[in-house]
Amino acid sequence: MSSAPTVYAFEGVVPVIDPYAYVHPSAVLIGDVIVGPGCYVGAGAVLRGDFGRIVLERNANVQDNCVLHSRPEQDCVMEQESHIGHGAVIHCARVARDAMVGVGAVVMDRALIGEQAIVAAMSFVKVDMQVPPRVLVAGLPAKVVRPLTDADIAWKRAGTALYVELAQRCRAGLVPAAALEAVEPGRARTKWSFDNARAAQSPPRTQR
C-alpha cells in the first residue's frame, strides 16, 4: 500500500479524498480541496485551496506537476472525466465534462473549457475565455483551430480511460521500493490496453 499524500488543513478546512480516488504521496493538497471517486492526482501536483474551493469530479485526472489554484469568489472545477496533462496550470477556471487540457498549458481566471474540447499543449487560455464544446484551441493566446471529429473525441476518451484504470491500479499496486542495481533477466513490462481500460472504472454511484 502506498503512503498518504501531503495534506494540510487551512484554518480548519480539510481536503477530502474519496476512498476510490488515488492521490500520489508527493502531491500536496491544501485546504478546500475535494477529490471525487475514480480521480487520479499525479506526482508533484499541487492543489491549493486556501483562497477558494478546488473540485475534481468523478474520474477526472490531474497529472504530474500540475498546479490548481482558485480565488475567494470562484471555484476551480475539473468536471467528470476531465483530463489535465503534465505540468498544466489551472487558475480558478472550469474544465467541463470530458474536456482535455494538454501538457504545459495554462488556463486563466474565469475561463471555461467547454465539454469535450481540447486545449493543445503549451497553449495559453486568457482570462474569461469561453472555449466552445468540441473544438481544438491552440496558441499564445489560444484560439479556436477547428472542430473536433469523433475520432479526436475517441482518442481523448481512450487516454482518460487509462488514467481511470491507473488510479485503481496505483491504489492496489504502487508501493515504495529500493531501486535495483542492474536489469534482471526476463524483466517484466507493465501491461496496458486501450481496449480494456474502461474495465477498471470506479464503483457505480449506487454504491455511494
C-alpha atoms as a PDB file:
ATOM      1  CA  MET A   1       0.000   0.000   0.000  1.00  0.00           C
ATOM      2  CA  SER A   2       1.439   3.426  -0.908  1.00  0.00           C
ATOM      3  CA  SER A   3       1.842   6.168   1.682  1.00  0.00           C
ATOM      4  CA  ALA A   4      -0.597   9.045   2.053  1.00  0.00           C
ATOM      5  CA  PRO A   5      -0.266  12.356   0.177  1.00  0.00           C
ATOM      6  CA  THR A   6       0.777  15.554   1.916  1.00  0.00           C
ATOM      7  CA  VAL A   7      -2.442  17.137   3.175  1.00  0.00           C
ATOM      8  CA  TYR A   8      -2.800  20.420   5.055  1.00  0.00           C
ATOM      9  CA  ALA A   9      -5.895  21.862   6.723  1.00  0.00           C
ATOM     10  CA  PHE A  10      -6.246  25.600   6.199  1.00  0.00           C
ATOM     11  CA  GLU A  11      -7.987  27.384   9.068  1.00  0.00           C
ATOM     12  CA  GLY A  12      -9.937  24.235   9.867  1.00  0.00           C
ATOM     13  CA  VAL A  13     -10.886  23.363   6.269  1.00  0.00           C
ATOM     14  CA  VAL A  14      -9.527  19.901   5.492  1.00  0.00           C
ATOM     15  CA  PRO A  15      -9.069  18.382   1.997  1.00  0.00           C
ATOM     16  CA  VAL A  16     -11.386  15.489   1.079  1.00  0.00           C
ATOM     17  CA  ILE A  17     -10.155  12.461  -0.897  1.00  0.00           C
ATOM     18  CA  ASP A  18     -12.735   9.870  -1.888  1.00  0.00           C
ATOM     19  CA  PRO A  19     -11.625   6.329  -0.964  1.00  0.00           C
ATOM     20  CA  TYR A  20     -11.872   5.290  -4.631  1.00  0.00           C
ATOM     21  CA  ALA A  21      -9.517   8.075  -5.767  1.00  0.00           C
ATOM     22  CA  TYR A  22      -5.740   7.891  -5.963  1.00  0.00           C
ATOM     23  CA  VAL A  23      -3.510  10.807  -4.945  1.00  0.00           C
ATOM     24  CA  HIS A  24       0.259  10.297  -5.229  1.00  0.00           C
ATOM     25  CA  PRO A  25       2.226  10.619  -1.961  1.00  0.00           C
ATOM     26  CA  SER A  26       4.266  13.539  -3.341  1.00  0.00           C
ATOM     27  CA  ALA A  27       1.160  15.567  -4.267  1.00  0.00           C
ATOM     28  CA  VAL A  28       0.202  18.446  -1.957  1.00  0.00           C
ATOM     29  CA  LEU A  29      -3.417  19.268  -1.099  1.00  0.00           C
ATOM     30  CA  ILE A  30      -4.182  22.393   0.926  1.00  0.00           C
ATOM     31  CA  GLY A  31      -7.486  23.498   2.418  1.00  0.00           C
ATOM     32  CA  ASP A  32     -10.748  23.391   0.474  1.00  0.00           C
ATOM     33  CA  VAL A  33      -9.938  20.610  -1.995  1.00  0.00           C
ATOM     34  CA  ILE A  34     -12.443  17.883  -2.896  1.00  0.00           C
ATOM     35  CA  VAL A  35     -11.229  14.870  -4.891  1.00  0.00           C
ATOM     36  CA  GLY A  36     -14.045  12.651  -6.142  1.00  0.00           C
ATOM     37  CA  PRO A  37     -14.272   8.913  -6.857  1.00  0.00           C
ATOM     38  CA  GLY A  38     -12.063   7.413  -9.533  1.00  0.00           C
ATOM     39  CA  CYS A  39      -9.863  10.513  -9.750  1.00  0.00           C
ATOM     40  CA  TYR A  40      -6.110  10.373 -10.284  1.00  0.00           C
ATOM     41  CA  VAL A  41      -3.725  13.051  -8.966  1.00  0.00           C
ATOM     42  CA  GLY A  42      -0.140  12.566 -10.088  1.00  0.00           C
ATOM     43  CA  ALA A  43       3.280  13.047  -8.525  1.00  0.00           C
ATOM     44  CA  GLY A  44       4.224  16.613  -7.644  1.00  0.00           C
ATOM     45  CA  ALA A  45       0.783  18.073  -8.284  1.00  0.00           C
ATOM     46  CA  VAL A  46      -0.270  20.971  -6.049  1.00  0.00           C
ATOM     47  CA  LEU A  47      -3.952  21.662  -5.354  1.00  0.00           C
ATOM     48  CA  ARG A  48      -4.032  24.831  -3.268  1.00  0.00           C
ATOM     49  CA  GLY A  49      -7.471  25.515  -1.833  1.00  0.00           C
ATOM     50  CA  ASP A  50      -6.591  28.343   0.524  1.00  0.00           C
ATOM     51  CA  PHE A  51      -8.301  31.202  -1.349  1.00  0.00           C
ATOM     52  CA  GLY A  52     -11.140  29.196  -2.932  1.00  0.00           C
ATOM     53  CA  ARG A  53     -12.505  25.697  -3.490  1.00  0.00           C
ATOM     54  CA  ILE A  54     -10.981  23.168  -5.893  1.00  0.00           C
ATOM     55  CA  VAL A  55     -13.179  20.284  -7.054  1.00  0.00           C
ATOM     56  CA  LEU A  56     -12.236  17.187  -9.032  1.00  0.00           C
ATOM     57  CA  GLU A  57     -15.386  15.405 -10.129  1.00  0.00           C
ATOM     58  CA  ARG A  58     -15.712  11.687 -10.788  1.00  0.00           C
ATOM     59  CA  ASN A  59     -12.924  10.097 -12.904  1.00  0.00           C
ATOM     60  CA  ALA A  60     -11.058  13.362 -13.512  1.00  0.00           C
ATOM     61  CA  ASN A  61      -7.282  13.207 -13.711  1.00  0.00           C
ATOM     62  CA  VAL A  62      -4.675  15.831 -12.805  1.00  0.00           C
ATOM     63  CA  GLN A  63      -1.258  14.635 -13.884  1.00  0.00           C
ATOM     64  CA  ASP A  64       2.305  15.124 -12.633  1.00  0.00           C
ATOM     65  CA  ASN A  65       3.427  18.626 -11.592  1.00  0.00           C
ATOM     66  CA  CYS A  66       0.118  20.340 -12.329  1.00  0.00           C
ATOM     67  CA  VAL A  67      -0.887  23.373 -10.261  1.00  0.00           C
ATOM     68  CA  LEU A  68      -4.529  24.134  -9.436  1.00  0.00           C
ATOM     69  CA  HIS A  69      -5.489  27.264  -7.512  1.00  0.00           C
ATOM     70  CA  SER A  70      -8.633  29.339  -7.067  1.00  0.00           C
ATOM     71  CA  ARG A  71      -9.925  32.672  -5.799  1.00  0.00           C
ATOM     72  CA  PRO A  72     -12.275  33.502  -2.927  1.00  0.00           C
ATOM     73  CA  GLU A  73     -15.241  34.218  -5.202  1.00  0.00           C
ATOM     74  CA  GLN A  74     -14.915  31.285  -7.626  1.00  0.00           C
ATOM     75  CA  ASP A  75     -14.476  27.517  -7.512  1.00  0.00           C
ATOM     76  CA  CYS A  76     -11.845  25.836  -9.665  1.00  0.00           C
ATOM     77  CA  VAL A  77     -13.617  22.783 -11.082  1.00  0.00           C
ATOM     78  CA  MET A  78     -12.468  19.798 -13.124  1.00  0.00           C
ATOM     79  CA  GLU A  79     -15.707  18.171 -14.218  1.00  0.00           C
ATOM     80  CA  GLN A  80     -16.337  14.467 -14.750  1.00  0.00           C
ATOM     81  CA  GLU A  81     -13.678  12.697 -16.855  1.00  0.00           C
ATOM     82  CA  SER A  82     -11.755  15.917 -17.490  1.00  0.00           C
ATOM     83  CA  HIS A  83      -8.092  15.336 -18.293  1.00  0.00           C
ATOM     84  CA  ILE A  84      -5.302  17.706 -17.212  1.00  0.00           C
ATOM     85  CA  GLY A  85      -1.933  16.957 -18.820  1.00  0.00           C
ATOM     86  CA  HIS A  86       1.512  17.030 -17.190  1.00  0.00           C
ATOM     87  CA  GLY A  87       2.621  20.403 -15.870  1.00  0.00           C
ATOM     88  CA  ALA A  88      -0.552  22.308 -16.742  1.00  0.00           C
ATOM     89  CA  VAL A  89      -1.748  25.239 -14.618  1.00  0.00           C
ATOM     90  CA  ILE A  90      -5.463  25.791 -13.985  1.00  0.00           C
ATOM     91  CA  HIS A  91      -6.129  29.063 -12.172  1.00  0.00           C
ATOM     92  CA  CYS A  92      -9.707  29.442 -10.869  1.00  0.00           C
ATOM     93  CA  ALA A  93     -11.214  28.141 -14.099  1.00  0.00           C
ATOM     94  CA  ARG A  94     -13.652  25.377 -15.071  1.00  0.00           C
ATOM     95  CA  VAL A  95     -12.800  22.434 -17.307  1.00  0.00           C
ATOM     96  CA  ALA A  96     -16.067  20.881 -18.413  1.00  0.00           C
ATOM     97  CA  ARG A  97     -17.047  17.235 -18.731  1.00  0.00           C
ATOM     98  CA  ASP A  98     -14.764  15.082 -20.885  1.00  0.00           C
ATOM     99  CA  ALA A  99     -12.543  18.036 -21.873  1.00  0.00           C
ATOM    100  CA  MET A 100      -8.742  17.946 -22.021  1.00  0.00           C
ATOM    101  CA  VAL A 101      -6.022  20.462 -21.197  1.00  0.00           C
ATOM    102  CA  GLY A 102      -2.739  19.497 -22.825  1.00  0.00           C
ATOM    103  CA  VAL A 103       0.773  19.256 -21.409  1.00  0.00           C
ATOM    104  CA  GLY A 104       2.142  22.548 -20.088  1.00  0.00           C
ATOM    105  CA  ALA A 105      -0.945  24.597 -20.966  1.00  0.00           C
ATOM    106  CA  VAL A 106      -2.177  27.475 -18.782  1.00  0.00           C
ATOM    107  CA  VAL A 107      -5.874  28.191 -18.225  1.00  0.00           C
ATOM    108  CA  MET A 108      -6.553  31.513 -16.511  1.00  0.00           C
ATOM    109  CA  ASP A 109      -9.200  33.044 -14.249  1.00  0.00           C
ATOM    110  CA  ARG A 110     -12.887  32.514 -15.038  1.00  0.00           C
ATOM    111  CA  ALA A 111     -12.125  30.703 -18.285  1.00  0.00           C
ATOM    112  CA  LEU A 112     -14.386  27.836 -19.297  1.00  0.00           C
ATOM    113  CA  ILE A 113     -13.142  24.898 -21.363  1.00  0.00           C
ATOM    114  CA  GLY A 114     -16.315  23.523 -22.966  1.00  0.00           C
ATOM    115  CA  GLU A 115     -17.463  19.924 -22.938  1.00  0.00           C
ATOM    116  CA  GLN A 116     -15.236  17.606 -24.971  1.00  0.00           C
ATOM    117  CA  ALA A 117     -12.982  20.494 -26.015  1.00  0.00           C
ATOM    118  CA  ILE A 118      -9.197  20.123 -26.175  1.00  0.00           C
ATOM    119  CA  VAL A 119      -6.600  22.749 -25.275  1.00  0.00           C
ATOM    120  CA  ALA A 120      -3.399  21.978 -27.163  1.00  0.00           C
ATOM    121  CA  ALA A 121      -0.114  21.505 -25.299  1.00  0.00           C
ATOM    122  CA  MET A 122       1.682  24.725 -24.236  1.00  0.00           C
ATOM    123  CA  SER A 123      -1.326  26.920 -25.057  1.00  0.00           C
ATOM    124  CA  PHE A 124      -2.420  29.964 -23.020  1.00  0.00           C
ATOM    125  CA  VAL A 125      -6.141  30.400 -22.373  1.00  0.00           C
ATOM    126  CA  LYS A 126      -6.801  34.024 -21.395  1.00  0.00           C
ATOM    127  CA  VAL A 127      -8.885  35.346 -18.520  1.00  0.00           C
ATOM    128  CA  ASP A 128     -12.651  34.979 -19.183  1.00  0.00           C
ATOM    129  CA  MET A 129     -12.198  32.997 -22.424  1.00  0.00           C
ATOM    130  CA  GLN A 130     -15.161  30.736 -23.159  1.00  0.00           C
ATOM    131  CA  VAL A 131     -13.991  27.774 -25.227  1.00  0.00           C
ATOM    132  CA  PRO A 132     -16.930  26.207 -27.097  1.00  0.00           C
ATOM    133  CA  PRO A 133     -17.662  22.482 -26.817  1.00  0.00           C
ATOM    134  CA  ARG A 134     -15.908  20.005 -29.139  1.00  0.00           C
ATOM    135  CA  VAL A 135     -13.237  22.310 -30.555  1.00  0.00           C
ATOM    136  CA  LEU A 136      -9.453  22.356 -30.523  1.00  0.00           C
ATOM    137  CA  VAL A 137      -7.857  25.571 -29.265  1.00  0.00           C
ATOM    138  CA  ALA A 138      -4.149  26.312 -29.539  1.00  0.00           C
ATOM    139  CA  GLY A 139      -1.648  29.140 -29.356  1.00  0.00           C
ATOM    140  CA  LEU A 140      -0.463  32.122 -27.307  1.00  0.00           C
ATOM    141  CA  PRO A 141      -3.135  33.264 -26.710  1.00  0.00           C
ATOM    142  CA  ALA A 142      -5.296  30.245 -27.534  1.00  0.00           C
ATOM    143  CA  LYS A 143      -7.708  30.499 -30.454  1.00  0.00           C
ATOM    144  CA  VAL A 144     -10.140  28.031 -31.972  1.00  0.00           C
ATOM    145  CA  VAL A 145      -8.325  25.989 -34.604  1.00  0.00           C
ATOM    146  CA  ARG A 146     -11.034  23.592 -35.772  1.00  0.00           C
ATOM    147  CA  PRO A 147     -13.975  21.473 -34.652  1.00  0.00           C
ATOM    148  CA  LEU A 148     -13.106  18.082 -33.177  1.00  0.00           C
ATOM    149  CA  THR A 149     -14.011  14.895 -35.001  1.00  0.00           C
ATOM    150  CA  ASP A 150     -15.477  11.760 -33.478  1.00  0.00           C
ATOM    151  CA  ALA A 151     -12.011  10.219 -33.845  1.00  0.00           C
ATOM    152  CA  ASP A 152     -10.486  13.078 -31.824  1.00  0.00           C
ATOM    153  CA  ILE A 153     -13.009  12.552 -29.044  1.00  0.00           C
ATOM    154  CA  ALA A 154     -12.409   8.788 -29.061  1.00  0.00           C
ATOM    155  CA  TRP A 155      -8.639   9.387 -28.788  1.00  0.00           C
ATOM    156  CA  LYS A 156      -9.121  11.676 -25.804  1.00  0.00           C
ATOM    157  CA  ARG A 157     -11.535   9.292 -24.085  1.00  0.00           C
ATOM    158  CA  ALA A 158      -9.165   6.359 -24.541  1.00  0.00           C
ATOM    159  CA  GLY A 159      -6.399   8.293 -22.802  1.00  0.00           C
ATOM    160  CA  THR A 160      -8.688   9.309 -19.944  1.00  0.00           C
ATOM    161  CA  ALA A 161      -9.798   5.695 -19.524  1.00  0.00           C
ATOM    162  CA  LEU A 162      -6.177   4.699 -18.947  1.00  0.00           C
ATOM    163  CA  TYR A 163      -5.966   7.196 -16.093  1.00  0.00           C
ATOM    164  CA  VAL A 164      -9.207   5.902 -14.581  1.00  0.00           C
ATOM    165  CA  GLU A 165      -7.619   2.449 -14.623  1.00  0.00           C
ATOM    166  CA  LEU A 166      -4.310   3.831 -13.361  1.00  0.00           C
ATOM    167  CA  ALA A 167      -5.992   5.294 -10.267  1.00  0.00           C
ATOM    168  CA  GLN A 168      -7.257   1.866  -9.230  1.00  0.00           C
ATOM    169  CA  ARG A 169      -4.023   0.059 -10.113  1.00  0.00           C
ATOM    170  CA  CYS A 170      -1.998   2.588  -8.096  1.00  0.00           C
ATOM    171  CA  ARG A 171      -4.304   2.104  -5.118  1.00  0.00           C
ATOM    172  CA  ALA A 172      -3.632  -1.634  -5.313  1.00  0.00           C
ATOM    173  CA  GLY A 173      -0.062  -1.896  -6.546  1.00  0.00           C
ATOM    174  CA  LEU A 174       2.051   1.253  -6.238  1.00  0.00           C
ATOM    175  CA  VAL A 175       4.418   0.777  -3.303  1.00  0.00           C
ATOM    176  CA  PRO A 176       7.743   2.306  -2.218  1.00  0.00           C
ATOM    177  CA  ALA A 177      10.728   0.217  -3.356  1.00  0.00           C
ATOM    178  CA  ALA A 178      14.509   0.267  -3.459  1.00  0.00           C
ATOM    179  CA  ALA A 179      15.996   0.600  -6.950  1.00  0.00           C
ATOM    180  CA  LEU A 180      17.788  -2.409  -8.413  1.00  0.00           C
ATOM    181  CA  GLU A 181      21.448  -2.092  -9.359  1.00  0.00           C
ATOM    182  CA  ALA A 182      21.103  -3.947 -12.660  1.00  0.00           C
ATOM    183  CA  VAL A 183      18.420  -5.048 -15.096  1.00  0.00           C
ATOM    184  CA  GLU A 184      17.240  -8.516 -14.111  1.00  0.00           C
ATOM    185  CA  PRO A 185      16.901 -11.316 -16.735  1.00  0.00           C
ATOM    186  CA  GLY A 186      13.436 -11.503 -18.282  1.00  0.00           C
ATOM    187  CA  ARG A 187      12.470  -8.108 -16.877  1.00  0.00           C
ATOM    188  CA  ALA A 188       8.675  -7.663 -16.854  1.00  0.00           C
ATOM    189  CA  ARG A 189       6.876  -4.836 -18.654  1.00  0.00           C
ATOM    190  CA  THR A 190       3.775  -3.052 -17.463  1.00  0.00           C
ATOM    191  CA  LYS A 191       0.670  -4.241 -19.302  1.00  0.00           C
ATOM    192  CA  TRP A 192      -1.855  -1.800 -20.738  1.00  0.00           C
ATOM    193  CA  SER A 193      -4.607  -1.961 -23.307  1.00  0.00           C
ATOM    194  CA  PHE A 194      -6.843   0.824 -24.589  1.00  0.00           C
ATOM    195  CA  ASP A 195      -9.432  -1.865 -25.304  1.00  0.00           C
ATOM    196  CA  ASN A 196      -9.601  -2.952 -21.668  1.00  0.00           C
ATOM    197  CA  ALA A 197      -9.021   0.334 -19.851  1.00  0.00           C
ATOM    198  CA  ARG A 198     -12.657   1.019 -19.038  1.00  0.00           C
ATOM    199  CA  ALA A 199     -12.958  -2.277 -17.142  1.00  0.00           C
ATOM    200  CA  ALA A 200     -11.380  -0.533 -14.144  1.00  0.00           C
ATOM    201  CA  GLN A 201     -13.988   2.180 -13.575  1.00  0.00           C
ATOM    202  CA  SER A 202     -14.637   3.493 -10.092  1.00  0.00           C
ATOM    203  CA  PRO A 203     -17.645   1.875  -8.354  1.00  0.00           C
ATOM    204  CA  PRO A 204     -21.117   2.861  -9.614  1.00  0.00           C
ATOM    205  CA  ARG A 205     -22.970   5.671  -7.871  1.00  0.00           C
ATOM    206  CA  THR A 206     -25.431   3.229  -6.311  1.00  0.00           C
ATOM    207  CA  GLN A 207     -22.613   2.074  -4.007  1.00  0.00           C
ATOM    208  CA  ARG A 208     -22.003   5.556  -2.632  1.00  0.00           C
END
